[in-house]
N, C-alpha and C. Protein backbone atom coordinates (compact mmCIF):
# COMPACT_ATOMS: atom_id res chain seq x y z
N UNK A 1 24.54 -5.40 6.59
CA UNK A 1 23.81 -4.38 6.17
C UNK A 1 23.67 -3.24 7.30
N UNK A 2 23.72 -1.95 6.96
CA UNK A 2 23.70 -0.81 7.95
C UNK A 2 22.14 -0.44 7.94
N UNK A 3 21.80 -0.12 9.32
CA UNK A 3 20.59 0.42 9.33
C UNK A 3 20.63 1.76 9.32
N UNK A 4 19.90 2.52 8.33
CA UNK A 4 19.86 3.87 8.23
C UNK A 4 18.62 4.58 8.79
N UNK A 5 17.74 3.80 9.36
CA UNK A 5 16.45 4.44 10.02
C UNK A 5 16.81 5.06 11.30
N UNK A 6 16.04 6.34 11.46
CA UNK A 6 16.32 7.20 12.68
C UNK A 6 15.86 6.25 13.90
N UNK A 7 16.60 6.50 14.97
CA UNK A 7 16.01 6.08 16.09
C UNK A 7 14.71 6.38 16.62
N UNK A 8 13.91 5.39 17.28
CA UNK A 8 12.43 5.65 17.28
C UNK A 8 12.39 6.73 18.30
N UNK A 9 13.21 7.05 19.39
CA UNK A 9 12.93 8.18 20.18
C UNK A 9 13.21 9.45 19.41
N UNK A 10 13.61 9.48 18.51
CA UNK A 10 13.90 10.72 17.78
C UNK A 10 12.71 11.22 16.71
N UNK A 11 11.68 10.39 16.54
CA UNK A 11 10.67 10.50 15.73
C UNK A 11 9.58 11.30 16.40
N UNK A 12 9.03 12.20 15.64
CA UNK A 12 7.85 12.75 15.95
C UNK A 12 6.58 11.84 15.66
N UNK A 13 5.28 12.26 16.22
CA UNK A 13 4.29 11.19 16.11
C UNK A 13 3.95 10.90 14.42
N UNK A 14 3.83 11.90 13.61
CA UNK A 14 3.72 11.69 12.16
C UNK A 14 4.71 10.67 11.71
N UNK A 15 6.02 10.81 11.58
CA UNK A 15 6.90 10.05 11.29
C UNK A 15 6.74 8.63 11.87
N UNK A 16 6.44 8.51 13.05
CA UNK A 16 6.61 7.14 13.81
C UNK A 16 5.30 6.32 13.38
N UNK A 17 4.15 7.07 13.05
CA UNK A 17 2.98 6.56 12.59
C UNK A 17 3.08 5.95 11.35
N UNK A 18 3.67 6.92 10.31
CA UNK A 18 4.11 6.47 9.00
C UNK A 18 4.83 5.40 8.79
N UNK A 19 5.73 5.11 9.81
CA UNK A 19 6.93 4.10 9.56
C UNK A 19 5.98 2.82 10.03
N UNK A 20 5.17 3.00 11.16
CA UNK A 20 4.67 1.98 11.71
C UNK A 20 3.46 1.20 10.60
N UNK A 21 2.91 2.14 9.90
CA UNK A 21 2.07 1.78 8.89
C UNK A 21 2.88 0.99 7.77
N UNK A 22 3.83 1.34 7.44
CA UNK A 22 4.75 0.64 6.35
C UNK A 22 5.16 -0.73 7.01
N UNK A 23 5.55 -0.82 8.37
CA UNK A 23 6.01 -2.11 9.13
C UNK A 23 4.98 -3.03 8.99
N UNK A 24 3.73 -2.58 9.03
CA UNK A 24 2.49 -3.49 9.43
C UNK A 24 2.21 -3.97 7.98
N UNK A 25 2.35 -3.34 7.11
CA UNK A 25 2.10 -3.62 5.43
C UNK A 25 2.92 -4.67 5.16
N UNK A 26 4.39 -4.47 5.43
CA UNK A 26 5.38 -5.29 4.97
C UNK A 26 5.23 -6.73 5.82
N UNK A 27 4.95 -6.51 7.15
CA UNK A 27 4.73 -8.02 7.65
C UNK A 27 3.52 -8.61 7.23
N UNK A 28 2.60 -7.80 6.86
CA UNK A 28 1.12 -8.59 6.44
C UNK A 28 1.49 -9.14 4.90
N UNK A 29 2.17 -8.63 4.26
CA UNK A 29 2.70 -9.10 2.75
C UNK A 29 3.42 -10.31 3.01
N UNK A 30 4.24 -10.50 4.02
CA UNK A 30 4.85 -11.88 4.28
C UNK A 30 6.17 -11.78 3.35
N UNK A 31 6.60 -13.16 3.32
CA UNK A 31 7.81 -13.47 2.51
C UNK A 31 9.12 -13.21 3.07
N UNK A 32 9.20 -12.69 4.38
CA UNK A 32 10.49 -12.30 5.02
C UNK A 32 10.83 -13.77 5.71
N UNK A 33 12.24 -13.84 6.03
CA UNK A 33 12.68 -14.82 6.91
C UNK A 33 12.34 -14.44 8.36
N UNK A 34 12.42 -15.60 9.14
CA UNK A 34 11.95 -15.39 10.63
C UNK A 34 12.61 -14.34 11.36
N UNK A 35 14.03 -14.02 11.11
CA UNK A 35 14.72 -13.18 11.77
C UNK A 35 14.68 -11.72 11.29
N UNK A 36 14.15 -11.52 9.98
CA UNK A 36 13.94 -10.38 9.41
C UNK A 36 12.49 -9.89 10.00
N UNK A 37 11.51 -10.74 10.19
CA UNK A 37 10.27 -10.53 10.64
C UNK A 37 10.18 -10.43 11.94
N UNK A 38 11.13 -11.03 12.80
CA UNK A 38 11.12 -10.59 13.94
C UNK A 38 11.69 -9.16 14.49
N UNK A 39 12.70 -8.93 13.73
CA UNK A 39 13.39 -7.56 13.76
C UNK A 39 12.34 -6.42 13.33
N UNK A 40 11.73 -6.74 12.24
CA UNK A 40 10.56 -5.66 11.90
C UNK A 40 9.67 -5.58 13.06
N UNK A 41 9.08 -6.84 13.29
CA UNK A 41 7.95 -6.58 14.43
C UNK A 41 8.58 -5.89 15.75
N UNK A 42 9.72 -6.06 16.23
CA UNK A 42 10.34 -5.40 17.38
C UNK A 42 10.38 -3.84 17.08
N UNK A 43 10.61 -3.38 15.87
CA UNK A 43 10.68 -2.10 15.32
C UNK A 43 9.21 -1.66 15.45
N UNK A 44 8.25 -2.37 14.95
CA UNK A 44 6.96 -1.93 15.00
C UNK A 44 6.40 -1.84 16.50
N UNK A 45 6.78 -2.63 17.34
CA UNK A 45 6.33 -2.53 18.74
C UNK A 45 6.85 -1.05 19.17
N UNK A 46 8.11 -0.76 18.95
CA UNK A 46 8.68 0.35 19.58
C UNK A 46 8.08 1.57 18.95
N UNK A 47 7.84 1.46 17.69
CA UNK A 47 7.02 2.56 17.13
C UNK A 47 5.80 2.66 17.59
N UNK A 48 4.94 1.62 17.92
CA UNK A 48 3.54 1.85 18.56
C UNK A 48 3.79 2.45 19.86
N UNK A 49 4.73 2.15 20.67
CA UNK A 49 4.96 2.71 21.88
C UNK A 49 5.42 4.25 21.72
N UNK A 50 5.95 4.50 20.87
CA UNK A 50 6.43 6.02 20.59
C UNK A 50 5.22 6.89 20.29
N UNK A 51 4.21 6.14 19.44
CA UNK A 51 3.08 6.92 19.17
C UNK A 51 2.20 7.15 20.31
N UNK A 52 2.20 5.90 21.11
CA UNK A 52 1.23 6.27 22.42
C UNK A 52 1.97 7.35 23.25
N UNK A 53 3.44 7.46 23.47
CA UNK A 53 3.85 8.50 24.33
C UNK A 53 3.45 9.69 23.72
N UNK A 54 3.53 10.03 22.40
CA UNK A 54 3.08 11.25 21.81
C UNK A 54 1.61 11.72 22.13
N UNK A 55 0.82 10.51 21.82
CA UNK A 55 -0.37 10.84 22.24
C UNK A 55 -1.05 11.09 23.52
N UNK A 56 -0.32 10.52 24.56
CA UNK A 56 -0.36 10.51 25.90
C UNK A 56 0.05 12.08 26.14
N UNK A 57 1.12 12.53 25.74
CA UNK A 57 1.55 13.96 25.82
C UNK A 57 0.70 15.07 25.31
N UNK A 58 0.02 14.90 24.23
CA UNK A 58 -0.90 15.59 23.54
C UNK A 58 -2.18 15.61 24.52
N UNK A 59 -2.51 14.41 24.99
CA UNK A 59 -3.80 14.25 25.98
C UNK A 59 -3.52 15.15 27.16
N UNK A 60 -2.29 15.04 27.73
CA UNK A 60 -1.98 15.79 29.10
C UNK A 60 -2.01 17.32 28.83
N UNK A 61 -1.47 17.94 27.66
CA UNK A 61 -1.63 19.31 27.19
C UNK A 61 -2.92 19.77 27.04
N UNK A 62 -3.77 19.09 26.70
CA UNK A 62 -5.27 19.30 26.23
C UNK A 62 -5.92 19.30 27.56
N UNK A 63 -5.64 18.38 28.52
CA UNK A 63 -6.44 18.33 30.02
C UNK A 63 -5.84 19.61 30.61
N UNK A 64 -4.67 20.05 30.60
CA UNK A 64 -4.06 21.11 31.37
C UNK A 64 -4.76 22.53 30.74
N UNK A 65 -4.99 22.54 29.41
CA UNK A 65 -5.76 23.66 28.85
C UNK A 65 -7.06 23.78 29.48
N UNK A 66 -7.75 22.57 29.25
CA UNK A 66 -8.93 22.65 29.81
C UNK A 66 -9.13 22.87 31.23
N UNK A 67 -8.14 22.28 32.06
CA UNK A 67 -8.49 22.64 33.54
C UNK A 67 -8.25 24.24 33.76
N UNK A 68 -7.35 24.91 33.08
CA UNK A 68 -6.84 26.22 33.16
C UNK A 68 -8.24 26.93 32.75
N UNK A 69 -8.86 26.55 31.58
CA UNK A 69 -10.13 27.15 31.26
C UNK A 69 -11.30 27.13 32.15
N UNK A 70 -11.30 25.94 33.04
CA UNK A 70 -12.20 25.84 34.00
C UNK A 70 -12.12 26.60 35.26
N UNK A 71 -10.81 27.05 35.67
CA UNK A 71 -10.28 27.82 36.65
C UNK A 71 -10.89 29.20 36.58
N UNK A 72 -10.95 29.70 35.11
CA UNK A 72 -11.25 31.14 34.78
C UNK A 72 -12.50 31.37 35.04
């Protein structure tokens, strides 16, 4: 079976978040074999990390703007 999902690194915040929601829902439903569950869990971990990276970048941008406003 070929995996047609985009690379996690290529996903924007919203796409990564939405896929992560789907991954969690699928894992919570259960019924997958162990290998499929582990693979999906690993994808979920990568998606969560990607979301954190996007949020950290957004936080940094906001802090820079606020710091620039303080300098004025």
